[in-house]
Amino acid sequence: MFVHITSTHTEDNCPGYDRAKLPTVRDAWAKRNDIAKRHNVKLHWFLSTAPDHTFFTLVEAERQTDVDVFMRELLPYPHKNTLTPVITAEELEELARRLAQG
């Protein structure tokens, strides 16, 4: 299953304003692919809208719990995460075929 994650944090919780947090955060981001593998997650992309305090992540995983623990380690400070299951264009075409069949 593909999952699109929107992660937001507040300005007062932003590691960009707290230099003590930055090494831990940078380390997690640098190891993002290793963290993903450890949690049985395939990371497709990890994007930021800095300085808007928002991240967009696309992952592939069998279980939501794997995604949950991956995100907690990838963003090691409080975030609001919204997980949205998404499908590929091929899956969308298959859905349209099945819906057309009745």
N, C-alpha and C. Protein backbone atom coordinates (compact mmCIF):
# COMPACT_ATOMS: atom_id res chain seq x y z
N MET A 1 0.84 -1.17 0.00
CA MET A 1 0.00 0.00 0.00
C MET A 1 0.89 1.23 0.00
N PHE A 2 0.48 2.23 -0.80
CA PHE A 2 1.16 3.52 -0.81
C PHE A 2 0.47 4.44 0.19
N VAL A 3 1.27 5.21 0.91
CA VAL A 3 0.71 6.16 1.87
C VAL A 3 1.41 7.50 1.68
N HIS A 4 0.59 8.54 1.51
CA HIS A 4 1.11 9.91 1.45
C HIS A 4 0.94 10.50 2.84
N ILE A 5 2.02 11.05 3.38
CA ILE A 5 1.98 11.60 4.73
C ILE A 5 2.26 13.09 4.67
N THR A 6 1.38 13.87 5.29
CA THR A 6 1.62 15.30 5.48
C THR A 6 1.94 15.49 6.96
N SER A 7 3.12 16.02 7.23
CA SER A 7 3.58 16.22 8.61
C SER A 7 3.79 17.71 8.85
N THR A 8 3.22 18.19 9.94
CA THR A 8 3.39 19.59 10.30
C THR A 8 3.83 19.72 11.75
N HIS A 9 4.57 20.77 12.00
CA HIS A 9 4.95 21.10 13.37
C HIS A 9 4.82 22.61 13.53
N THR A 10 4.82 23.06 14.77
CA THR A 10 4.65 24.48 15.04
C THR A 10 6.01 25.18 15.04
N GLU A 11 5.98 26.49 14.89
CA GLU A 11 7.22 27.27 14.92
C GLU A 11 7.96 27.08 16.24
N ASP A 12 7.22 27.03 17.34
CA ASP A 12 7.88 26.91 18.64
C ASP A 12 8.46 25.51 18.86
N ASN A 13 8.13 24.55 18.00
CA ASN A 13 8.66 23.20 18.10
C ASN A 13 9.66 22.89 16.97
N CYS A 14 9.99 23.88 16.18
CA CYS A 14 10.85 23.68 15.01
C CYS A 14 12.32 23.56 15.42
N PRO A 15 12.98 22.48 14.99
CA PRO A 15 14.39 22.34 15.33
C PRO A 15 15.27 23.40 14.67
N GLY A 16 14.75 24.06 13.66
CA GLY A 16 15.50 25.15 13.04
C GLY A 16 15.75 26.31 13.99
N TYR A 17 14.92 26.40 15.01
CA TYR A 17 15.08 27.43 16.03
C TYR A 17 15.71 26.90 17.31
N ASP A 18 16.05 25.64 17.32
CA ASP A 18 16.63 25.01 18.51
C ASP A 18 17.88 24.23 18.09
N ARG A 19 19.02 24.87 18.15
CA ARG A 19 20.25 24.26 17.65
C ARG A 19 20.65 23.00 18.40
N ALA A 20 20.13 22.80 19.59
CA ALA A 20 20.43 21.58 20.34
C ALA A 20 19.76 20.37 19.69
N LYS A 21 18.61 20.58 19.04
CA LYS A 21 17.88 19.49 18.39
C LYS A 21 18.43 19.16 17.00
N LEU A 22 19.09 20.10 16.37
CA LEU A 22 19.49 19.94 14.97
C LEU A 22 20.35 18.71 14.68
N PRO A 23 21.36 18.38 15.49
CA PRO A 23 22.16 17.19 15.16
C PRO A 23 21.35 15.91 15.11
N THR A 24 20.42 15.72 16.04
CA THR A 24 19.59 14.52 16.05
C THR A 24 18.69 14.48 14.82
N VAL A 25 18.12 15.61 14.47
CA VAL A 25 17.22 15.69 13.32
C VAL A 25 18.00 15.46 12.03
N ARG A 26 19.12 16.12 11.87
CA ARG A 26 19.94 15.94 10.65
C ARG A 26 20.38 14.50 10.51
N ASP A 27 20.73 13.86 11.61
CA ASP A 27 21.16 12.47 11.58
C ASP A 27 20.03 11.56 11.10
N ALA A 28 18.82 11.79 11.59
CA ALA A 28 17.67 10.99 11.16
C ALA A 28 17.40 11.18 9.67
N TRP A 29 17.46 12.41 9.21
CA TRP A 29 17.21 12.67 7.79
C TRP A 29 18.28 12.02 6.91
N ALA A 30 19.52 12.08 7.36
CA ALA A 30 20.61 11.47 6.58
C ALA A 30 20.47 9.96 6.51
N LYS A 31 19.89 9.36 7.54
CA LYS A 31 19.72 7.91 7.60
C LYS A 31 18.32 7.47 7.19
N ARG A 32 17.57 8.32 6.51
CA ARG A 32 16.16 8.04 6.22
C ARG A 32 15.94 6.72 5.49
N ASN A 33 16.81 6.37 4.55
CA ASN A 33 16.63 5.11 3.83
C ASN A 33 16.91 3.91 4.72
N ASP A 34 17.92 4.01 5.58
CA ASP A 34 18.20 2.93 6.52
C ASP A 34 17.06 2.77 7.53
N ILE A 35 16.53 3.89 7.99
CA ILE A 35 15.41 3.85 8.93
C ILE A 35 14.20 3.18 8.26
N ALA A 36 13.96 3.55 7.01
CA ALA A 36 12.83 2.96 6.28
C ALA A 36 12.99 1.45 6.17
N LYS A 37 14.15 0.99 5.77
CA LYS A 37 14.39 -0.46 5.63
C LYS A 37 14.19 -1.18 6.96
N ARG A 38 14.68 -0.57 8.04
CA ARG A 38 14.56 -1.21 9.35
C ARG A 38 13.09 -1.40 9.76
N HIS A 39 12.22 -0.52 9.24
CA HIS A 39 10.80 -0.59 9.60
C HIS A 39 9.94 -1.16 8.47
N ASN A 40 10.58 -1.84 7.50
CA ASN A 40 9.85 -2.48 6.39
C ASN A 40 9.05 -1.48 5.58
N VAL A 41 9.64 -0.33 5.35
CA VAL A 41 9.00 0.74 4.59
C VAL A 41 9.89 1.08 3.41
N LYS A 42 9.29 1.29 2.25
CA LYS A 42 10.02 1.78 1.09
C LYS A 42 9.73 3.27 0.97
N LEU A 43 10.77 4.07 1.10
CA LEU A 43 10.63 5.52 1.02
C LEU A 43 10.76 5.95 -0.44
N HIS A 44 9.72 6.56 -0.98
CA HIS A 44 9.75 7.04 -2.36
C HIS A 44 10.23 8.48 -2.42
N TRP A 45 9.73 9.32 -1.53
CA TRP A 45 10.24 10.68 -1.41
C TRP A 45 9.91 11.29 -0.06
N PHE A 46 10.76 12.27 0.28
CA PHE A 46 10.64 13.01 1.54
C PHE A 46 10.94 14.47 1.19
N LEU A 47 9.92 15.30 1.22
CA LEU A 47 10.04 16.69 0.77
C LEU A 47 9.66 17.65 1.89
N SER A 48 10.20 18.85 1.82
CA SER A 48 9.91 19.86 2.82
C SER A 48 9.47 21.16 2.14
N THR A 49 8.58 21.87 2.80
CA THR A 49 8.21 23.20 2.34
C THR A 49 8.83 24.26 3.24
N ALA A 50 10.01 23.94 3.80
CA ALA A 50 10.69 24.89 4.68
C ALA A 50 10.73 26.25 3.99
N PRO A 51 10.39 27.28 4.69
CA PRO A 51 10.19 27.43 6.13
C PRO A 51 8.74 27.33 6.60
N ASP A 52 7.92 26.60 5.89
CA ASP A 52 6.50 26.49 6.26
C ASP A 52 6.19 25.40 7.28
N HIS A 53 7.20 24.69 7.77
CA HIS A 53 7.03 23.70 8.83
C HIS A 53 6.15 22.52 8.40
N THR A 54 6.27 22.13 7.13
CA THR A 54 5.49 21.02 6.59
C THR A 54 6.38 20.10 5.78
N PHE A 55 6.16 18.80 5.92
CA PHE A 55 6.85 17.78 5.12
C PHE A 55 5.81 16.96 4.37
N PHE A 56 6.19 16.48 3.19
CA PHE A 56 5.37 15.56 2.41
C PHE A 56 6.22 14.32 2.15
N THR A 57 5.69 13.17 2.49
CA THR A 57 6.42 11.92 2.37
C THR A 57 5.54 10.91 1.65
N LEU A 58 6.13 10.14 0.75
CA LEU A 58 5.42 9.05 0.11
C LEU A 58 6.17 7.77 0.42
N VAL A 59 5.45 6.81 1.01
CA VAL A 59 6.04 5.54 1.37
C VAL A 59 5.18 4.40 0.86
N GLU A 60 5.78 3.22 0.86
CA GLU A 60 5.09 2.00 0.51
C GLU A 60 5.34 1.02 1.65
N ALA A 61 4.27 0.44 2.17
CA ALA A 61 4.40 -0.48 3.30
C ALA A 61 3.20 -1.42 3.33
N GLU A 62 3.39 -2.54 4.01
CA GLU A 62 2.29 -3.49 4.18
C GLU A 62 1.38 -3.12 5.35
N ARG A 63 1.97 -2.47 6.37
CA ARG A 63 1.20 -2.19 7.58
C ARG A 63 1.34 -0.74 8.00
N GLN A 64 0.27 -0.17 8.46
CA GLN A 64 0.31 1.21 8.93
C GLN A 64 1.22 1.35 10.14
N THR A 65 1.27 0.35 10.99
CA THR A 65 2.14 0.45 12.17
C THR A 65 3.60 0.62 11.76
N ASP A 66 4.01 0.00 10.65
CA ASP A 66 5.38 0.20 10.16
C ASP A 66 5.60 1.65 9.76
N VAL A 67 4.60 2.23 9.12
CA VAL A 67 4.69 3.63 8.71
C VAL A 67 4.75 4.53 9.95
N ASP A 68 3.93 4.22 10.94
CA ASP A 68 3.90 5.03 12.17
C ASP A 68 5.26 5.07 12.86
N VAL A 69 5.89 3.92 13.05
CA VAL A 69 7.18 3.91 13.75
C VAL A 69 8.28 4.52 12.88
N PHE A 70 8.18 4.34 11.57
CA PHE A 70 9.14 4.97 10.66
C PHE A 70 9.06 6.49 10.79
N MET A 71 7.87 7.05 10.74
CA MET A 71 7.71 8.50 10.82
C MET A 71 8.18 9.05 12.15
N ARG A 72 7.94 8.31 13.21
CA ARG A 72 8.37 8.77 14.54
C ARG A 72 9.89 8.88 14.60
N GLU A 73 10.59 7.96 13.94
CA GLU A 73 12.05 8.00 13.95
C GLU A 73 12.59 9.00 12.93
N LEU A 74 11.92 9.15 11.80
CA LEU A 74 12.36 10.08 10.77
C LEU A 74 12.24 11.53 11.23
N LEU A 75 11.17 11.83 11.95
CA LEU A 75 10.93 13.18 12.47
C LEU A 75 10.92 13.09 13.99
N PRO A 76 12.11 13.12 14.61
CA PRO A 76 12.22 12.85 16.05
C PRO A 76 11.87 14.03 16.95
N TYR A 77 10.77 14.67 16.63
CA TYR A 77 10.22 15.73 17.47
C TYR A 77 8.73 15.78 17.12
N PRO A 78 7.87 16.35 17.98
CA PRO A 78 6.43 16.26 17.78
C PRO A 78 5.94 16.84 16.46
N HIS A 79 5.10 16.06 15.79
CA HIS A 79 4.45 16.43 14.54
C HIS A 79 3.00 15.98 14.55
N LYS A 80 2.21 16.64 13.76
CA LYS A 80 0.88 16.14 13.42
C LYS A 80 1.06 15.46 12.07
N ASN A 81 0.78 14.17 12.01
CA ASN A 81 0.90 13.40 10.77
C ASN A 81 -0.48 13.03 10.27
N THR A 82 -0.74 13.31 9.00
CA THR A 82 -1.97 12.88 8.34
C THR A 82 -1.58 11.86 7.30
N LEU A 83 -2.04 10.62 7.49
CA LEU A 83 -1.72 9.52 6.57
C LEU A 83 -2.90 9.32 5.62
N THR A 84 -2.59 9.36 4.32
CA THR A 84 -3.61 9.20 3.30
C THR A 84 -3.22 8.06 2.37
N PRO A 85 -3.98 6.96 2.37
CA PRO A 85 -3.69 5.89 1.41
C PRO A 85 -3.91 6.42 -0.01
N VAL A 86 -3.00 6.12 -0.92
CA VAL A 86 -3.12 6.55 -2.30
C VAL A 86 -2.87 5.37 -3.23
N ILE A 87 -3.34 5.49 -4.47
CA ILE A 87 -3.15 4.42 -5.45
C ILE A 87 -2.42 4.97 -6.67
N THR A 88 -1.81 4.07 -7.41
CA THR A 88 -1.07 4.44 -8.62
C THR A 88 -2.06 4.68 -9.76
N ALA A 89 -1.57 5.24 -10.85
CA ALA A 89 -2.40 5.45 -12.04
C ALA A 89 -2.90 4.11 -12.58
N GLU A 90 -2.06 3.09 -12.53
CA GLU A 90 -2.47 1.76 -12.99
C GLU A 90 -3.60 1.20 -12.13
N GLU A 91 -3.51 1.38 -10.83
CA GLU A 91 -4.57 0.93 -9.94
C GLU A 91 -5.86 1.72 -10.18
N LEU A 92 -5.70 2.99 -10.49
CA LEU A 92 -6.86 3.83 -10.78
C LEU A 92 -7.55 3.36 -12.07
N GLU A 93 -6.75 3.00 -13.07
CA GLU A 93 -7.32 2.46 -14.31
C GLU A 93 -8.08 1.15 -14.02
N GLU A 94 -7.49 0.28 -13.21
CA GLU A 94 -8.16 -0.97 -12.85
C GLU A 94 -9.47 -0.68 -12.10
N LEU A 95 -9.45 0.28 -11.23
CA LEU A 95 -10.67 0.66 -10.50
C LEU A 95 -11.74 1.12 -11.48
N ALA A 96 -11.37 1.93 -12.44
CA ALA A 96 -12.33 2.42 -13.44
C ALA A 96 -12.91 1.27 -14.24
N ARG A 97 -12.05 0.30 -14.65
CA ARG A 97 -12.53 -0.87 -15.39
C ARG A 97 -13.55 -1.66 -14.56
N ARG A 98 -13.22 -1.87 -13.29
CA ARG A 98 -14.11 -2.66 -12.43
C ARG A 98 -15.42 -1.94 -12.17
N LEU A 99 -15.36 -0.63 -12.00
CA LEU A 99 -16.58 0.15 -11.78
C LEU A 99 -17.45 0.16 -13.04
N ALA A 100 -16.83 0.18 -14.20
CA ALA A 100 -17.57 0.20 -15.46
C ALA A 100 -18.29 -1.13 -15.69
N GLN A 101 -17.74 -2.21 -15.13
CA GLN A 101 -18.35 -3.53 -15.30
C GLN A 101 -19.60 -3.71 -14.43
N GLY A 102 -19.72 -2.84 -13.47
CA GLY A 102 -20.92 -2.91 -12.62
C GLY A 102 -20.71 -3.78 -11.49
